[in-house]
N, C-alpha and C. Protein backbone atom coordinates (compact mmCIF):
# COMPACT_ATOMS: atom_id res chain seq x y z
N UNK A 1 0.84 -1.19 0.00
CA UNK A 1 0.00 0.00 0.00
C UNK A 1 0.88 1.25 0.00
N UNK A 2 0.42 2.26 -0.70
CA UNK A 2 1.08 3.56 -0.76
C UNK A 2 0.26 4.53 0.09
N UNK A 3 0.93 5.23 0.98
CA UNK A 3 0.25 6.23 1.81
C UNK A 3 0.20 7.52 1.01
N UNK A 4 -0.99 8.10 0.85
CA UNK A 4 -1.18 9.28 0.03
C UNK A 4 -1.71 10.41 0.90
N UNK A 5 -1.07 11.59 0.78
CA UNK A 5 -1.51 12.77 1.51
C UNK A 5 -1.90 13.87 0.52
N UNK A 6 -2.92 14.63 0.88
CA UNK A 6 -3.34 15.79 0.09
C UNK A 6 -3.04 17.05 0.87
N UNK A 7 -2.54 18.06 0.17
CA UNK A 7 -2.28 19.36 0.78
C UNK A 7 -2.89 20.47 -0.07
N UNK A 8 -3.01 21.63 0.52
CA UNK A 8 -3.49 22.82 -0.19
C UNK A 8 -4.95 22.70 -0.58
N UNK A 9 -5.26 23.19 -1.77
CA UNK A 9 -6.65 23.20 -2.24
C UNK A 9 -7.21 21.80 -2.42
N UNK A 10 -6.35 20.82 -2.71
CA UNK A 10 -6.86 19.45 -2.85
C UNK A 10 -7.43 18.95 -1.53
N UNK A 11 -6.72 19.22 -0.46
CA UNK A 11 -7.20 18.82 0.87
C UNK A 11 -8.50 19.55 1.21
N UNK A 12 -8.54 20.85 0.94
CA UNK A 12 -9.73 21.65 1.23
C UNK A 12 -10.92 21.23 0.36
N UNK A 13 -10.68 20.99 -0.91
CA UNK A 13 -11.76 20.66 -1.84
C UNK A 13 -12.37 19.29 -1.55
N UNK A 14 -11.53 18.31 -1.25
CA UNK A 14 -12.03 16.94 -1.11
C UNK A 14 -12.16 16.47 0.33
N UNK A 15 -11.62 17.22 1.26
CA UNK A 15 -11.74 16.85 2.66
C UNK A 15 -10.97 15.59 3.03
N UNK A 16 -9.99 15.24 2.22
CA UNK A 16 -9.18 14.05 2.47
C UNK A 16 -7.78 14.51 2.86
N UNK A 17 -7.33 14.07 3.99
CA UNK A 17 -5.97 14.40 4.43
C UNK A 17 -5.01 13.27 4.08
N UNK A 18 -5.41 12.03 4.42
CA UNK A 18 -4.57 10.86 4.19
C UNK A 18 -5.44 9.70 3.74
N UNK A 19 -4.95 8.93 2.79
CA UNK A 19 -5.60 7.69 2.38
C UNK A 19 -4.50 6.70 1.98
N UNK A 20 -4.84 5.46 1.88
CA UNK A 20 -3.89 4.44 1.44
C UNK A 20 -4.50 3.67 0.29
N UNK A 21 -3.69 3.46 -0.75
CA UNK A 21 -4.14 2.72 -1.93
C UNK A 21 -3.00 1.85 -2.44
N UNK A 22 -3.35 0.90 -3.28
CA UNK A 22 -2.36 0.06 -3.93
C UNK A 22 -2.03 0.65 -5.29
N UNK A 23 -0.80 0.49 -5.72
CA UNK A 23 -0.41 0.95 -7.05
C UNK A 23 1.09 1.02 -7.16
N UNK A 24 1.61 0.78 -8.35
CA UNK A 24 3.05 0.84 -8.56
C UNK A 24 3.47 1.98 -9.47
N UNK A 25 2.51 2.59 -10.17
CA UNK A 25 2.81 3.74 -11.02
C UNK A 25 1.90 4.89 -10.60
N UNK A 26 2.23 6.09 -11.06
CA UNK A 26 1.41 7.25 -10.72
C UNK A 26 -0.02 7.07 -11.23
N UNK A 27 -0.16 6.58 -12.44
CA UNK A 27 -1.51 6.39 -12.99
C UNK A 27 -2.28 5.33 -12.21
N UNK A 28 -1.59 4.26 -11.77
CA UNK A 28 -2.24 3.25 -10.92
C UNK A 28 -2.77 3.88 -9.64
N UNK A 29 -1.95 4.71 -9.02
CA UNK A 29 -2.32 5.34 -7.75
C UNK A 29 -3.49 6.30 -7.96
N UNK A 30 -3.43 7.10 -9.01
CA UNK A 30 -4.53 8.04 -9.30
C UNK A 30 -5.83 7.27 -9.52
N UNK A 31 -5.77 6.20 -10.31
CA UNK A 31 -6.96 5.39 -10.57
C UNK A 31 -7.51 4.80 -9.27
N UNK A 32 -6.62 4.31 -8.41
CA UNK A 32 -7.04 3.73 -7.14
C UNK A 32 -7.67 4.78 -6.22
N UNK A 33 -7.13 6.00 -6.23
CA UNK A 33 -7.69 7.08 -5.41
C UNK A 33 -9.09 7.42 -5.90
N UNK A 34 -9.25 7.57 -7.21
CA UNK A 34 -10.55 7.93 -7.78
C UNK A 34 -11.58 6.81 -7.54
N UNK A 35 -11.13 5.58 -7.57
CA UNK A 35 -12.03 4.46 -7.30
C UNK A 35 -12.48 4.48 -5.83
N UNK A 36 -11.53 4.73 -4.94
CA UNK A 36 -11.83 4.74 -3.51
C UNK A 36 -12.60 6.00 -3.10
N UNK A 37 -12.28 7.12 -3.75
CA UNK A 37 -12.90 8.42 -3.45
C UNK A 37 -13.43 9.01 -4.75
N UNK A 38 -14.62 8.60 -5.21
CA UNK A 38 -15.14 9.03 -6.51
C UNK A 38 -15.30 10.54 -6.68
N UNK A 39 -15.34 11.27 -5.58
CA UNK A 39 -15.47 12.72 -5.68
C UNK A 39 -14.19 13.39 -6.19
N UNK A 40 -13.07 12.69 -6.13
CA UNK A 40 -11.78 13.26 -6.56
C UNK A 40 -11.68 13.20 -8.08
N UNK A 41 -11.32 14.32 -8.66
CA UNK A 41 -11.11 14.39 -10.12
C UNK A 41 -9.68 13.99 -10.45
N UNK A 42 -9.51 13.01 -11.30
CA UNK A 42 -8.19 12.53 -11.68
C UNK A 42 -7.34 13.67 -12.25
N UNK A 43 -7.95 14.57 -12.99
CA UNK A 43 -7.22 15.68 -13.60
C UNK A 43 -6.59 16.58 -12.55
N UNK A 44 -7.26 16.76 -11.41
CA UNK A 44 -6.68 17.56 -10.33
C UNK A 44 -5.39 16.92 -9.82
N UNK A 45 -5.38 15.61 -9.74
CA UNK A 45 -4.18 14.91 -9.27
C UNK A 45 -3.07 14.94 -10.32
N UNK A 46 -3.44 14.81 -11.57
CA UNK A 46 -2.43 14.85 -12.65
C UNK A 46 -1.76 16.21 -12.74
N UNK A 47 -2.47 17.27 -12.37
CA UNK A 47 -1.92 18.63 -12.43
C UNK A 47 -1.19 19.04 -11.16
N UNK A 48 -1.22 18.21 -10.15
CA UNK A 48 -0.62 18.54 -8.86
C UNK A 48 0.89 18.32 -8.87
N UNK A 49 1.56 18.99 -7.95
CA UNK A 49 2.96 18.71 -7.68
C UNK A 49 3.01 17.42 -6.87
N UNK A 50 3.94 16.53 -7.22
CA UNK A 50 4.03 15.24 -6.57
C UNK A 50 5.34 15.15 -5.79
N UNK A 51 5.23 14.73 -4.55
CA UNK A 51 6.42 14.50 -3.72
C UNK A 51 6.37 13.05 -3.26
N UNK A 52 7.47 12.33 -3.47
CA UNK A 52 7.55 10.93 -3.08
C UNK A 52 8.64 10.78 -2.04
N UNK A 53 8.25 10.25 -0.89
CA UNK A 53 9.20 10.03 0.19
C UNK A 53 10.03 11.27 0.50
N UNK A 54 9.31 12.40 0.55
CA UNK A 54 9.88 13.71 0.89
C UNK A 54 10.85 14.26 -0.14
N UNK A 55 10.78 13.77 -1.38
CA UNK A 55 11.63 14.28 -2.46
C UNK A 55 10.74 14.69 -3.62
N UNK A 56 10.85 15.96 -4.00
CA UNK A 56 10.04 16.46 -5.11
C UNK A 56 10.64 16.00 -6.42
N UNK A 57 9.78 15.45 -7.26
CA UNK A 57 10.23 15.01 -8.57
C UNK A 57 10.09 16.10 -9.61
N UNK A 58 10.56 15.81 -10.79
CA UNK A 58 10.42 16.70 -11.93
C UNK A 58 9.02 16.48 -12.51
N UNK A 59 8.20 17.53 -12.55
CA UNK A 59 6.82 17.38 -13.03
C UNK A 59 6.76 16.76 -14.42
N UNK A 60 7.77 17.00 -15.24
CA UNK A 60 7.76 16.44 -16.59
C UNK A 60 7.94 14.93 -16.55
N UNK A 61 8.54 14.43 -15.49
CA UNK A 61 8.84 13.00 -15.39
C UNK A 61 7.89 12.27 -14.44
N UNK A 62 6.80 12.91 -14.02
CA UNK A 62 5.87 12.28 -13.08
C UNK A 62 5.36 10.94 -13.59
N UNK A 63 5.18 10.80 -14.89
CA UNK A 63 4.66 9.55 -15.44
C UNK A 63 5.65 8.40 -15.26
N UNK A 64 6.91 8.70 -15.06
CA UNK A 64 7.92 7.66 -14.88
C UNK A 64 8.09 7.23 -13.44
N UNK A 65 7.31 7.80 -12.53
CA UNK A 65 7.43 7.45 -11.11
C UNK A 65 6.93 6.03 -10.87
N UNK A 66 7.62 5.33 -9.96
CA UNK A 66 7.14 4.01 -9.54
C UNK A 66 7.19 3.96 -8.03
N UNK A 67 6.32 3.14 -7.46
CA UNK A 67 6.16 3.09 -6.02
C UNK A 67 6.25 1.67 -5.51
N UNK A 68 6.65 1.56 -4.25
CA UNK A 68 6.69 0.29 -3.54
C UNK A 68 5.82 0.41 -2.31
N UNK A 69 5.41 -0.72 -1.79
CA UNK A 69 4.62 -0.72 -0.57
C UNK A 69 5.37 0.02 0.53
N UNK A 70 4.68 0.91 1.22
CA UNK A 70 5.28 1.69 2.28
C UNK A 70 5.74 3.08 1.85
N UNK A 71 5.73 3.36 0.55
CA UNK A 71 6.10 4.69 0.08
C UNK A 71 5.04 5.70 0.49
N UNK A 72 5.47 6.95 0.60
CA UNK A 72 4.55 8.05 0.90
C UNK A 72 4.51 8.99 -0.29
N UNK A 73 3.33 9.27 -0.77
CA UNK A 73 3.11 10.13 -1.93
C UNK A 73 2.28 11.33 -1.48
N UNK A 74 2.74 12.52 -1.83
CA UNK A 74 2.03 13.75 -1.46
C UNK A 74 1.61 14.47 -2.74
N UNK A 75 0.34 14.87 -2.80
CA UNK A 75 -0.17 15.70 -3.88
C UNK A 75 -0.38 17.10 -3.32
N UNK A 76 0.25 18.10 -3.95
CA UNK A 76 0.08 19.49 -3.56
C UNK A 76 -0.51 20.23 -4.75
N UNK A 77 -1.62 20.91 -4.52
CA UNK A 77 -2.25 21.63 -5.61
C UNK A 77 -1.35 22.77 -6.07
N UNK A 78 -1.37 23.05 -7.38
CA UNK A 78 -0.56 24.15 -7.89
C UNK A 78 -1.02 25.48 -7.30
N UNK A 79 -0.09 26.37 -7.16
CA UNK A 79 -0.37 27.68 -6.58
C UNK A 79 -0.03 28.75 -7.61
N UNK A 80 -0.90 29.71 -7.76
CA UNK A 80 -0.63 30.82 -8.66
C UNK A 80 -0.63 32.12 -7.88
N UNK A 81 -0.03 33.09 -8.43
CA UNK A 81 -0.01 34.38 -7.76
C UNK A 81 0.50 35.45 -8.71
N UNK A 82 0.58 36.60 -8.19
CA UNK A 82 1.03 37.62 -9.10
C UNK A 82 1.48 38.86 -8.46
């Protein structure tokens, strides 16, 4: 199982702080989250910043991420400002 945390607007919008799902790729994890929590929009997760085991990845390479049981995945909603 992968431990998943939501921060920022994702946490506020969906009311989910922590959940656990099975999956070995980012798309597997997103699908599992949406299945477990149907109110979550997959597109919101695909657009989020992803942190795995406290290390931020390159957003361009998010699709290449792989996970093992016990990993921690954090989704942070994008922030804009001006």
